Amino acid sequence: MPQIPTAATAATGLVGGYAVARWTKKRPLGGITLAAAGAVASRQWQRKAGIGAAVALTGAYVAGFGAAHPLAKKVGAWPAVFAVAGVVAGASWVVADRRG
């Protein structure tokens, strides 16, 4: 069975967390979604690229979540979420997925 790329897990967590929070109007539910996907991605990063890469990419994931908030004030919520998800997914691909 093929593995899901870590980039897809990370991007899905960021986009999915926001989507769940927005559509259910329950921010904690979105936070649970974000955290669960982040934990899965972190575990994938550790297995594929080692603990150092997992720590760095988890930091990027959390920073992306934080950066989406001020960015949303400038470009809108969905564009901000997609932008940070793209950046985190790109970093994840370069560090963990590209190696195959």
N, C-alpha and C. Protein backbone atom coordinates (compact mmCIF):
# COMPACT_ATOMS: atom_id res chain seq x y z
N MET A 1 0.84 -1.17 0.00
CA MET A 1 0.00 0.00 0.00
C MET A 1 0.89 1.24 0.00
N PRO A 2 0.67 2.18 -0.92
CA PRO A 2 1.51 3.37 -0.96
C PRO A 2 1.26 4.28 0.24
N GLN A 3 2.35 4.93 0.68
CA GLN A 3 2.23 5.85 1.80
C GLN A 3 1.74 7.21 1.33
N ILE A 4 1.00 7.88 2.19
CA ILE A 4 0.56 9.24 1.91
C ILE A 4 1.74 10.16 2.12
N PRO A 5 2.05 11.03 1.17
CA PRO A 5 3.18 11.95 1.35
C PRO A 5 2.97 12.85 2.57
N THR A 6 4.05 13.14 3.26
CA THR A 6 3.95 14.00 4.44
C THR A 6 3.46 15.39 4.07
N ALA A 7 3.80 15.84 2.87
CA ALA A 7 3.35 17.16 2.41
C ALA A 7 1.82 17.21 2.36
N ALA A 8 1.21 16.13 1.92
CA ALA A 8 -0.26 16.07 1.85
C ALA A 8 -0.88 16.06 3.25
N THR A 9 -0.27 15.35 4.16
CA THR A 9 -0.78 15.31 5.53
C THR A 9 -0.73 16.68 6.17
N ALA A 10 0.41 17.36 6.01
CA ALA A 10 0.57 18.69 6.61
C ALA A 10 -0.40 19.70 6.01
N ALA A 11 -0.50 19.73 4.70
CA ALA A 11 -1.40 20.68 4.04
C ALA A 11 -2.85 20.40 4.41
N THR A 12 -3.21 19.13 4.46
CA THR A 12 -4.57 18.75 4.83
C THR A 12 -4.89 19.17 6.27
N GLY A 13 -3.92 19.05 7.15
CA GLY A 13 -4.13 19.47 8.54
C GLY A 13 -4.39 20.96 8.66
N LEU A 14 -3.61 21.77 7.95
CA LEU A 14 -3.80 23.21 8.03
C LEU A 14 -5.11 23.65 7.38
N VAL A 15 -5.37 23.16 6.19
CA VAL A 15 -6.61 23.53 5.49
C VAL A 15 -7.82 22.91 6.21
N GLY A 16 -7.70 21.65 6.58
CA GLY A 16 -8.81 20.96 7.23
C GLY A 16 -9.14 21.54 8.59
N GLY A 17 -8.13 21.92 9.35
CA GLY A 17 -8.37 22.53 10.65
C GLY A 17 -9.16 23.81 10.53
N TYR A 18 -8.77 24.64 9.57
CA TYR A 18 -9.50 25.88 9.36
C TYR A 18 -10.92 25.60 8.86
N ALA A 19 -11.04 24.68 7.93
CA ALA A 19 -12.36 24.37 7.37
C ALA A 19 -13.32 23.86 8.44
N VAL A 20 -12.84 22.97 9.28
CA VAL A 20 -13.69 22.42 10.34
C VAL A 20 -14.12 23.54 11.30
N ALA A 21 -13.17 24.39 11.68
CA ALA A 21 -13.50 25.49 12.60
C ALA A 21 -14.52 26.44 11.98
N ARG A 22 -14.32 26.74 10.71
CA ARG A 22 -15.21 27.71 10.06
C ARG A 22 -16.61 27.14 9.85
N TRP A 23 -16.69 25.91 9.36
CA TRP A 23 -18.00 25.36 9.00
C TRP A 23 -18.80 24.86 10.19
N THR A 24 -18.12 24.44 11.24
CA THR A 24 -18.85 24.00 12.43
C THR A 24 -19.07 25.15 13.41
N LYS A 25 -18.33 26.26 13.20
CA LYS A 25 -18.35 27.40 14.11
C LYS A 25 -17.87 27.01 15.51
N LYS A 26 -17.05 25.99 15.56
CA LYS A 26 -16.47 25.52 16.83
C LYS A 26 -14.95 25.47 16.66
N ARG A 27 -14.30 26.55 17.11
CA ARG A 27 -12.85 26.65 16.96
C ARG A 27 -12.10 25.49 17.62
N PRO A 28 -12.52 25.02 18.80
CA PRO A 28 -11.79 23.89 19.39
C PRO A 28 -11.80 22.63 18.52
N LEU A 29 -12.89 22.42 17.80
CA LEU A 29 -12.96 21.26 16.91
C LEU A 29 -11.94 21.41 15.77
N GLY A 30 -11.80 22.62 15.26
CA GLY A 30 -10.78 22.88 14.25
C GLY A 30 -9.38 22.68 14.82
N GLY A 31 -9.19 23.09 16.06
CA GLY A 31 -7.90 22.91 16.71
C GLY A 31 -7.54 21.45 16.90
N ILE A 32 -8.54 20.65 17.23
CA ILE A 32 -8.30 19.21 17.37
C ILE A 32 -7.90 18.61 16.03
N THR A 33 -8.57 19.02 14.98
CA THR A 33 -8.25 18.54 13.63
C THR A 33 -6.83 18.94 13.27
N LEU A 34 -6.49 20.20 13.49
CA LEU A 34 -5.16 20.72 13.20
C LEU A 34 -4.10 19.95 13.99
N ALA A 35 -4.33 19.75 15.27
CA ALA A 35 -3.36 19.06 16.13
C ALA A 35 -3.21 17.58 15.75
N ALA A 36 -4.32 16.92 15.44
CA ALA A 36 -4.25 15.50 15.08
C ALA A 36 -3.45 15.30 13.80
N ALA A 37 -3.73 16.12 12.80
CA ALA A 37 -2.98 16.00 11.54
C ALA A 37 -1.52 16.38 11.75
N GLY A 38 -1.26 17.36 12.59
CA GLY A 38 0.11 17.75 12.90
C GLY A 38 0.87 16.63 13.59
N ALA A 39 0.21 15.91 14.49
CA ALA A 39 0.85 14.79 15.17
C ALA A 39 1.17 13.66 14.19
N VAL A 40 0.24 13.38 13.30
CA VAL A 40 0.47 12.35 12.28
C VAL A 40 1.62 12.77 11.37
N ALA A 41 1.61 14.03 10.93
CA ALA A 41 2.69 14.52 10.06
C ALA A 41 4.03 14.46 10.78
N SER A 42 4.05 14.85 12.04
CA SER A 42 5.30 14.83 12.80
C SER A 42 5.87 13.41 12.89
N ARG A 43 5.01 12.48 13.13
CA ARG A 43 5.44 11.07 13.18
C ARG A 43 5.98 10.62 11.83
N GLN A 44 5.30 11.02 10.75
CA GLN A 44 5.78 10.68 9.40
C GLN A 44 7.14 11.31 9.15
N TRP A 45 7.30 12.59 9.51
CA TRP A 45 8.57 13.28 9.30
C TRP A 45 9.69 12.58 10.06
N GLN A 46 9.41 12.16 11.28
CA GLN A 46 10.43 11.49 12.07
C GLN A 46 10.86 10.18 11.41
N ARG A 47 9.91 9.41 10.92
CA ARG A 47 10.24 8.14 10.28
C ARG A 47 11.00 8.34 8.97
N LYS A 48 10.62 9.35 8.21
CA LYS A 48 11.23 9.55 6.89
C LYS A 48 12.54 10.32 6.93
N ALA A 49 12.64 11.31 7.83
CA ALA A 49 13.79 12.21 7.76
C ALA A 49 14.55 12.37 9.07
N GLY A 50 14.08 11.77 10.15
CA GLY A 50 14.79 11.86 11.42
C GLY A 50 14.18 12.88 12.36
N ILE A 51 14.68 12.83 13.60
CA ILE A 51 14.10 13.67 14.66
C ILE A 51 14.35 15.15 14.42
N GLY A 52 15.53 15.51 13.94
CA GLY A 52 15.83 16.92 13.70
C GLY A 52 14.90 17.54 12.67
N ALA A 53 14.69 16.81 11.59
CA ALA A 53 13.79 17.30 10.54
C ALA A 53 12.36 17.37 11.07
N ALA A 54 11.97 16.39 11.88
CA ALA A 54 10.62 16.39 12.43
C ALA A 54 10.39 17.59 13.33
N VAL A 55 11.39 17.92 14.14
CA VAL A 55 11.26 19.09 15.02
C VAL A 55 11.16 20.37 14.19
N ALA A 56 12.02 20.49 13.18
CA ALA A 56 12.00 21.69 12.33
C ALA A 56 10.68 21.82 11.57
N LEU A 57 10.20 20.74 11.00
CA LEU A 57 8.97 20.78 10.22
C LEU A 57 7.74 20.98 11.11
N THR A 58 7.77 20.42 12.30
CA THR A 58 6.67 20.66 13.24
C THR A 58 6.65 22.14 13.63
N GLY A 59 7.83 22.71 13.82
CA GLY A 59 7.92 24.15 14.09
C GLY A 59 7.37 24.97 12.94
N ALA A 60 7.67 24.55 11.70
CA ALA A 60 7.14 25.25 10.53
C ALA A 60 5.62 25.13 10.46
N TYR A 61 5.10 23.97 10.82
CA TYR A 61 3.65 23.73 10.83
C TYR A 61 2.96 24.67 11.81
N VAL A 62 3.51 24.75 13.02
CA VAL A 62 2.93 25.62 14.05
C VAL A 62 3.10 27.10 13.65
N ALA A 63 4.26 27.44 13.11
CA ALA A 63 4.50 28.81 12.66
C ALA A 63 3.55 29.18 11.52
N GLY A 64 3.31 28.23 10.63
CA GLY A 64 2.37 28.48 9.54
C GLY A 64 0.97 28.77 10.05
N PHE A 65 0.55 28.01 11.04
CA PHE A 65 -0.75 28.26 11.66
C PHE A 65 -0.78 29.67 12.24
N GLY A 66 0.26 30.04 12.95
CA GLY A 66 0.32 31.38 13.54
C GLY A 66 0.40 32.48 12.50
N ALA A 67 1.15 32.25 11.43
CA ALA A 67 1.32 33.26 10.38
C ALA A 67 0.05 33.47 9.57
N ALA A 68 -0.79 32.48 9.51
CA ALA A 68 -2.03 32.61 8.73
C ALA A 68 -2.94 33.69 9.30
N HIS A 69 -2.89 33.90 10.60
CA HIS A 69 -3.78 34.87 11.22
C HIS A 69 -3.50 36.31 10.78
N PRO A 70 -2.28 36.82 10.92
CA PRO A 70 -2.03 38.19 10.44
C PRO A 70 -2.09 38.29 8.91
N LEU A 71 -1.68 37.24 8.22
CA LEU A 71 -1.76 37.25 6.76
C LEU A 71 -3.20 37.34 6.29
N ALA A 72 -4.12 36.72 7.02
CA ALA A 72 -5.54 36.75 6.65
C ALA A 72 -6.10 38.17 6.67
N LYS A 73 -5.56 39.01 7.53
CA LYS A 73 -6.02 40.40 7.57
C LYS A 73 -5.64 41.17 6.32
N LYS A 74 -4.60 40.71 5.64
CA LYS A 74 -4.14 41.38 4.43
C LYS A 74 -4.72 40.79 3.15
N VAL A 75 -4.85 39.46 3.09
CA VAL A 75 -5.26 38.83 1.84
C VAL A 75 -6.57 38.04 1.93
N GLY A 76 -7.10 37.89 3.12
CA GLY A 76 -8.31 37.10 3.31
C GLY A 76 -7.97 35.76 3.94
N ALA A 77 -8.96 35.15 4.55
CA ALA A 77 -8.74 33.93 5.32
C ALA A 77 -8.32 32.74 4.46
N TRP A 78 -9.13 32.42 3.45
CA TRP A 78 -8.79 31.24 2.65
C TRP A 78 -7.47 31.40 1.91
N PRO A 79 -7.20 32.54 1.27
CA PRO A 79 -5.89 32.67 0.62
C PRO A 79 -4.72 32.53 1.59
N ALA A 80 -4.89 33.04 2.80
CA ALA A 80 -3.83 32.92 3.81
C ALA A 80 -3.62 31.47 4.20
N VAL A 81 -4.70 30.75 4.42
CA VAL A 81 -4.59 29.33 4.80
C VAL A 81 -3.94 28.53 3.68
N PHE A 82 -4.37 28.76 2.45
CA PHE A 82 -3.77 28.03 1.33
C PHE A 82 -2.30 28.40 1.15
N ALA A 83 -1.95 29.65 1.37
CA ALA A 83 -0.55 30.07 1.23
C ALA A 83 0.34 29.37 2.25
N VAL A 84 -0.05 29.41 3.52
CA VAL A 84 0.80 28.77 4.53
C VAL A 84 0.81 27.25 4.36
N ALA A 85 -0.31 26.67 3.96
CA ALA A 85 -0.34 25.23 3.71
C ALA A 85 0.61 24.87 2.58
N GLY A 86 0.66 25.70 1.55
CA GLY A 86 1.57 25.46 0.43
C GLY A 86 3.03 25.56 0.84
N VAL A 87 3.34 26.54 1.66
CA VAL A 87 4.72 26.71 2.12
C VAL A 87 5.14 25.52 2.99
N VAL A 88 4.29 25.13 3.91
CA VAL A 88 4.62 24.00 4.79
C VAL A 88 4.70 22.70 3.98
N ALA A 89 3.78 22.50 3.05
CA ALA A 89 3.82 21.31 2.21
C ALA A 89 5.09 21.29 1.36
N GLY A 90 5.47 22.43 0.83
CA GLY A 90 6.70 22.51 0.03
C GLY A 90 7.93 22.15 0.86
N ALA A 91 8.00 22.71 2.06
CA ALA A 91 9.13 22.39 2.95
C ALA A 91 9.12 20.90 3.30
N SER A 92 7.97 20.37 3.55
CA SER A 92 7.84 18.95 3.89
C SER A 92 8.29 18.07 2.73
N TRP A 93 7.91 18.44 1.54
CA TRP A 93 8.32 17.66 0.37
C TRP A 93 9.83 17.70 0.20
N VAL A 94 10.42 18.90 0.33
CA VAL A 94 11.87 19.03 0.15
C VAL A 94 12.63 18.22 1.20
N VAL A 95 12.18 18.32 2.45
CA VAL A 95 12.93 17.69 3.55
C VAL A 95 12.64 16.20 3.67
N ALA A 96 11.40 15.78 3.51
CA ALA A 96 11.04 14.39 3.82
C ALA A 96 10.60 13.55 2.62
N ASP A 97 9.83 14.12 1.70
CA ASP A 97 9.21 13.31 0.65
C ASP A 97 10.08 13.14 -0.59
N ARG A 98 10.88 14.11 -0.89
CA ARG A 98 11.66 14.09 -2.13
C ARG A 98 12.58 12.87 -2.21
N ARG A 99 13.03 12.41 -1.11
CA ARG A 99 13.98 11.29 -1.06
C ARG A 99 13.36 9.98 -1.52
N GLY A 100 12.05 9.96 -1.56
CA GLY A 100 11.38 8.74 -2.02
C GLY A 100 11.06 7.87 -0.91
